[in-house]
Amino acid sequence: MLVYSLPGTFETREAHLDLLWEAGATGLEERAGLIRAYFDAQTDLPAELRDGQWHDEADQDWLATFKATLRPVRAGRVTIVPPWLRHEVEEGQVPLVIEPGMAFGTGHHATTRMAVEALGELDLNGARVLDVGTGSGVLAIAAALLGAEQVLGVDIDPITIPIARENAQDNGVPQGRAVFVEGTLGDELPDAWPGEWDGPADVLVANLYAELHDLLAGDYVTHLRPEGPLVLTGILTTKLGMVLAALEREGFGSVQVREDGEWALVTAAAPAL
């Protein structure tokens, strides 16, 4: 078995995980301060990944090992859990079942967990929720399970869309209630909603890098109803100032920050009319 080991963890090198999948990794594992990527053959890797080492190991069932170490994640009212551990969800918790895979987003990362917790603190009953950078659809599905009437997840990566749709189906979310489309924020997005659409989202959640939040802050205003809740995650604490400045620039109010290690979540309210 061919393994490429990189120093770091899933949290500290989140930005590099997709690069490993794109390079042909058949599986990823975090162990003893290393990210271990399994490959069928040695391949050229992007410069960001060249601080690791290739080595051969005796064949083992890495998937079985991964499943044995994965645990349910409690995020407020929601417990994010792989299918084989659904029986471990505590009574009274909302189960969100996610099959770990290429669309990264099992809930174990602090950014995902904090965002699900923040959604659980909102009254989503009857709301329309827009999830920007939906990935595996965790946040959009969480919103639907918490009472949202309609959810729309958008992502520029076409690989994630069918995975998000499958995850929604596996969680019992009706197809017309959860829609996932490839794309970015733009004037055409409301056309993707099922049924009638007569305005912006009631709640907008986005798990993106700080630089993208800065770039899209004006679009958040356009696609969110006045005074509607905004939930932003994926922000390194070292770049928190960039996001706060962008929200101030666009007139957002009631800004609050939560931190978990090196990651931050920001909640705010869209400008009033």
Protein backbone atom coordinates (compact mmCIF):
# COMPACT_ATOMS: atom_id res chain seq x y z
CA MET A 1 0.00 0.00 0.00
CA LEU A 2 1.40 3.40 -1.01
CA VAL A 3 0.98 6.16 1.59
CA TYR A 4 1.88 9.85 1.45
CA SER A 5 2.25 11.35 4.94
CA LEU A 6 1.95 15.08 5.56
CA PRO A 7 2.60 16.91 8.84
CA GLY A 8 -0.58 18.46 10.24
CA THR A 9 -4.22 17.65 10.94
CA PHE A 10 -7.50 17.85 9.03
CA GLU A 11 -8.14 21.19 10.74
CA THR A 12 -4.76 22.81 10.14
CA ARG A 13 -4.56 21.65 6.51
CA GLU A 14 -8.21 21.74 5.51
CA ALA A 15 -7.37 23.75 2.40
CA HIS A 16 -5.12 20.93 1.16
CA LEU A 17 -7.53 18.02 1.56
CA ASP A 18 -9.30 18.61 -1.75
CA LEU A 19 -5.90 18.78 -3.45
CA LEU A 20 -5.10 15.28 -2.18
CA TRP A 21 -8.41 13.92 -3.49
CA GLU A 22 -7.83 15.63 -6.84
CA ALA A 23 -4.35 14.10 -7.00
CA GLY A 24 -5.89 10.63 -6.84
CA ALA A 25 -6.00 9.76 -3.14
CA THR A 26 -8.28 6.81 -2.41
CA GLY A 27 -8.59 7.64 1.28
CA LEU A 28 -7.42 10.03 4.00
CA GLU A 29 -6.65 9.37 7.64
CA GLU A 30 -5.42 11.57 10.49
CA ARG A 31 -3.06 9.87 12.91
CA ALA A 32 -0.43 11.07 15.41
CA GLY A 33 -0.11 14.58 13.97
CA LEU A 34 0.03 13.36 10.37
CA ILE A 35 -2.40 13.26 7.47
CA ARG A 36 -2.01 9.94 5.72
CA ALA A 37 -3.19 9.83 2.10
CA TYR A 38 -3.56 6.45 0.40
CA PHE A 39 -2.72 6.13 -3.32
CA ASP A 40 -2.71 3.37 -5.89
CA ALA A 41 0.49 4.77 -7.43
CA GLN A 42 2.98 7.55 -6.76
CA THR A 43 2.05 10.79 -8.50
CA ASP A 44 3.25 14.36 -8.86
CA LEU A 45 1.70 16.56 -6.18
CA PRO A 46 1.09 20.34 -6.07
CA ALA A 47 3.76 22.46 -4.42
CA GLU A 48 1.57 22.98 -1.32
CA LEU A 49 1.78 19.26 -0.59
CA ARG A 50 5.46 18.60 -1.13
CA ASP A 51 6.49 18.71 2.54
CA GLY A 52 5.42 15.09 3.01
CA GLN A 53 6.96 11.69 2.35
CA TRP A 54 6.04 8.64 0.28
CA HIS A 55 6.37 5.17 1.80
CA ASP A 56 5.07 1.65 1.32
CA GLU A 57 3.09 -0.11 4.01
CA ALA A 58 1.63 -3.54 4.39
CA ASP A 59 -1.90 -3.72 3.05
CA GLN A 60 -4.62 -2.98 5.58
CA ASP A 61 -8.28 -2.11 5.55
CA TRP A 62 -7.83 1.64 6.02
CA LEU A 63 -11.57 2.22 5.61
CA ALA A 64 -12.34 -0.11 8.50
CA THR A 65 -9.76 1.71 10.62
CA PHE A 66 -11.27 5.08 9.71
CA LYS A 67 -14.79 3.90 10.58
CA ALA A 68 -13.58 2.56 13.92
CA THR A 69 -12.19 5.94 14.98
CA LEU A 70 -15.02 8.18 13.72
CA ARG A 71 -17.46 9.33 16.42
CA PRO A 72 -20.79 11.21 16.37
CA VAL A 73 -20.49 14.99 16.63
CA ARG A 74 -22.97 16.88 18.80
CA ALA A 75 -23.64 20.38 17.47
CA GLY A 76 -26.31 21.98 19.61
CA ARG A 77 -29.67 20.31 18.87
CA VAL A 78 -28.16 18.28 16.02
CA THR A 79 -25.91 15.23 16.15
CA ILE A 80 -23.93 14.65 12.95
CA VAL A 81 -23.29 10.95 12.57
CA PRO A 82 -22.14 8.40 9.95
CA PRO A 83 -24.77 5.81 8.96
CA TRP A 84 -23.21 2.97 10.96
CA LEU A 85 -23.41 4.98 14.23
CA ARG A 86 -26.96 6.31 13.92
CA HIS A 87 -28.00 4.14 16.88
CA GLU A 88 -25.71 6.23 19.11
CA VAL A 89 -27.66 9.48 18.64
CA GLU A 90 -29.11 10.49 22.01
CA GLU A 91 -32.85 10.73 22.45
CA GLY A 92 -34.11 14.24 21.74
CA GLN A 93 -31.25 15.05 19.36
CA VAL A 94 -31.87 15.64 15.65
CA PRO A 95 -29.79 13.06 13.70
CA LEU A 96 -28.00 14.31 10.60
CA VAL A 97 -26.58 11.29 8.80
CA ILE A 98 -23.57 11.93 6.55
CA GLU A 99 -21.53 9.31 4.73
CA PRO A 100 -17.89 10.51 4.85
CA GLY A 101 -16.47 10.91 1.36
CA MET A 102 -14.93 13.23 -1.16
CA ALA A 103 -17.19 16.19 -0.41
CA PHE A 104 -15.49 17.07 2.83
CA GLY A 105 -17.93 17.90 5.59
CA THR A 106 -18.55 15.22 8.20
CA GLY A 107 -19.13 17.72 11.01
CA HIS A 108 -15.88 16.93 12.76
CA HIS A 109 -14.33 20.22 11.70
CA ALA A 110 -14.90 23.11 14.11
CA THR A 111 -16.25 25.35 11.35
CA THR A 112 -19.05 22.94 10.42
CA ARG A 113 -19.91 22.18 14.03
CA MET A 114 -20.14 25.86 15.02
CA ALA A 115 -22.32 26.66 12.00
CA VAL A 116 -24.77 23.85 12.78
CA GLU A 117 -24.92 25.05 16.38
CA ALA A 118 -25.65 28.60 15.21
CA LEU A 119 -28.43 27.40 12.88
CA GLY A 120 -29.93 25.47 15.77
CA GLU A 121 -30.21 28.68 17.79
CA LEU A 122 -32.36 30.33 15.10
CA ASP A 123 -36.09 29.90 14.55
CA LEU A 124 -36.04 28.33 11.09
CA ASN A 125 -39.65 27.19 10.97
CA GLY A 126 -41.01 28.16 7.56
CA ALA A 127 -37.77 29.93 6.57
CA ARG A 128 -35.94 29.87 3.27
CA VAL A 129 -32.23 29.25 3.80
CA LEU A 130 -29.40 29.84 1.34
CA ASP A 131 -26.20 27.81 1.92
CA VAL A 132 -23.22 29.20 0.01
CA GLY A 133 -20.36 26.74 -0.52
CA THR A 134 -22.60 23.84 0.44
CA GLY A 135 -20.07 21.02 -0.12
CA SER A 136 -21.63 17.79 1.18
CA GLY A 137 -24.78 19.75 2.04
CA VAL A 138 -24.41 19.45 5.82
CA LEU A 139 -25.53 23.00 6.63
CA ALA A 140 -28.41 23.05 4.15
CA ILE A 141 -29.65 19.66 5.38
CA ALA A 142 -29.30 20.76 9.02
CA ALA A 143 -31.46 23.81 8.24
CA ALA A 144 -34.13 21.60 6.64
CA LEU A 145 -34.13 19.21 9.60
CA LEU A 146 -34.45 22.19 11.94
CA GLY A 147 -37.64 23.35 10.24
CA ALA A 148 -36.67 25.41 7.19
CA GLU A 149 -39.37 25.31 4.51
CA GLN A 150 -36.92 25.49 1.61
CA VAL A 151 -33.14 25.31 1.39
CA LEU A 152 -30.89 26.11 -1.54
CA GLY A 153 -27.26 24.95 -1.53
CA VAL A 154 -24.82 26.33 -4.09
CA ASP A 155 -21.22 25.32 -4.78
CA ILE A 156 -18.76 25.94 -7.59
CA ASP A 157 -17.51 22.32 -7.39
CA PRO A 158 -19.75 20.13 -9.58
CA ILE A 159 -18.59 16.98 -7.75
CA THR A 160 -20.32 18.08 -4.55
CA ILE A 161 -23.82 18.62 -5.97
CA PRO A 162 -24.91 14.98 -6.50
CA ILE A 163 -23.35 14.06 -3.14
CA ALA A 164 -25.32 16.80 -1.38
CA ARG A 165 -28.52 15.66 -3.10
CA GLU A 166 -27.91 12.06 -2.03
CA ASN A 167 -27.20 13.14 1.55
CA ALA A 168 -30.45 15.14 1.64
CA GLN A 169 -32.38 12.13 0.37
CA ASP A 170 -30.72 9.86 2.92
CA ASN A 171 -31.89 12.23 5.66
CA GLY A 172 -35.48 12.17 4.45
CA VAL A 173 -35.50 15.73 3.09
CA PRO A 174 -37.99 15.89 0.18
CA GLN A 175 -36.43 16.81 -3.17
CA GLY A 176 -38.55 19.92 -3.56
CA ARG A 177 -37.58 21.18 -0.13
CA ALA A 178 -33.82 20.98 -0.69
CA VAL A 179 -32.27 22.12 -3.98
CA PHE A 180 -28.55 21.95 -4.77
CA VAL A 181 -27.05 23.72 -7.78
CA GLU A 182 -23.61 24.41 -9.19
CA GLY A 183 -22.80 28.11 -9.25
CA THR A 184 -22.00 31.23 -7.27
CA LEU A 185 -24.08 34.06 -5.89
CA GLY A 186 -25.74 35.94 -8.71
CA ASP A 187 -29.00 37.40 -9.88
CA GLU A 188 -29.98 34.09 -11.48
CA LEU A 189 -30.00 32.12 -8.22
CA PRO A 190 -33.62 32.80 -7.18
CA ASP A 191 -34.72 30.99 -10.37
CA ALA A 192 -33.27 27.80 -8.88
CA TRP A 193 -35.84 27.71 -6.08
CA PRO A 194 -38.79 25.38 -6.51
CA GLY A 195 -42.23 26.94 -6.61
CA GLU A 196 -42.74 30.64 -6.30
CA TRP A 197 -39.93 32.99 -5.35
CA ASP A 198 -40.59 36.57 -4.39
CA GLY A 199 -37.49 37.79 -2.64
CA PRO A 200 -34.17 37.00 -0.94
CA ALA A 201 -33.45 34.29 1.62
CA ASP A 202 -34.55 34.58 5.24
CA VAL A 203 -31.23 33.14 6.45
CA LEU A 204 -27.86 32.91 4.69
CA VAL A 205 -25.07 30.60 5.86
CA ALA A 206 -21.66 30.32 4.20
CA ASN A 207 -18.68 28.11 5.02
CA LEU A 208 -15.92 29.79 2.99
CA TYR A 209 -12.50 31.31 3.46
CA ALA A 210 -12.17 34.83 4.85
CA GLU A 211 -11.07 36.20 1.49
CA LEU A 212 -14.28 34.92 -0.14
CA HIS A 213 -16.44 36.39 2.61
CA ASP A 214 -14.75 39.71 1.94
CA LEU A 215 -15.39 39.38 -1.79
CA LEU A 216 -19.03 38.27 -1.40
CA ALA A 217 -20.14 40.54 1.45
CA GLY A 218 -22.06 42.80 -0.95
CA ASP A 219 -23.79 39.78 -2.48
CA TYR A 220 -24.80 38.62 0.99
CA VAL A 221 -26.77 41.86 1.33
CA THR A 222 -28.46 41.31 -2.03
CA HIS A 223 -29.48 37.72 -1.29
CA LEU A 224 -30.59 38.15 2.33
CA ARG A 225 -33.77 39.86 3.52
CA PRO A 226 -33.32 43.07 5.55
CA GLU A 227 -32.24 42.26 9.10
CA GLY A 228 -32.05 38.56 8.19
CA PRO A 229 -29.52 36.40 10.08
CA LEU A 230 -26.12 35.83 8.45
CA VAL A 231 -23.91 32.93 9.60
CA LEU A 232 -20.32 32.90 8.34
CA THR A 233 -17.75 30.22 9.09
CA GLY A 234 -14.50 28.83 7.67
CA ILE A 235 -12.65 31.85 9.05
CA LEU A 236 -9.17 31.59 10.54
CA THR A 237 -8.87 33.81 13.61
CA THR A 238 -5.81 35.43 12.05
CA LYS A 239 -8.06 36.71 9.23
CA LEU A 240 -11.10 37.57 11.32
CA GLY A 241 -10.45 41.31 10.97
CA MET A 242 -10.90 41.07 7.20
CA VAL A 243 -14.38 39.60 7.59
CA LEU A 244 -15.44 42.07 10.29
CA ALA A 245 -14.29 44.99 8.14
CA ALA A 246 -16.28 43.64 5.17
CA LEU A 247 -19.46 43.34 7.25
CA GLU A 248 -19.03 46.87 8.59
CA ARG A 249 -18.45 48.14 5.04
CA GLU A 250 -21.72 46.60 3.86
CA GLY A 251 -23.77 47.81 6.82
CA PHE A 252 -24.34 44.55 8.74
CA GLY A 253 -25.25 44.92 12.40
CA SER A 254 -25.48 42.83 15.58
CA VAL A 255 -22.11 41.24 14.78
CA GLN A 256 -20.99 38.48 17.15
CA VAL A 257 -17.92 36.25 17.07
CA ARG A 258 -17.33 32.74 18.38
CA GLU A 259 -13.94 31.06 18.37
CA ASP A 260 -12.87 27.43 18.56
CA GLY A 261 -9.12 27.04 18.47
CA GLU A 262 -7.80 28.76 15.36
CA TRP A 263 -11.26 29.01 13.74
CA ALA A 264 -13.96 31.64 14.10
CA LEU A 265 -17.67 31.90 13.31
CA VAL A 266 -19.36 35.26 12.79
CA THR A 267 -23.08 35.96 13.04
CA ALA A 268 -24.67 39.24 11.97
CA ALA A 269 -27.92 40.81 10.79
CA ALA A 270 -28.39 42.20 7.28
CA PRO A 271 -28.86 45.97 6.96
CA ALA A 272 -32.38 47.27 7.54
CA LEU A 273 -34.17 49.01 4.72
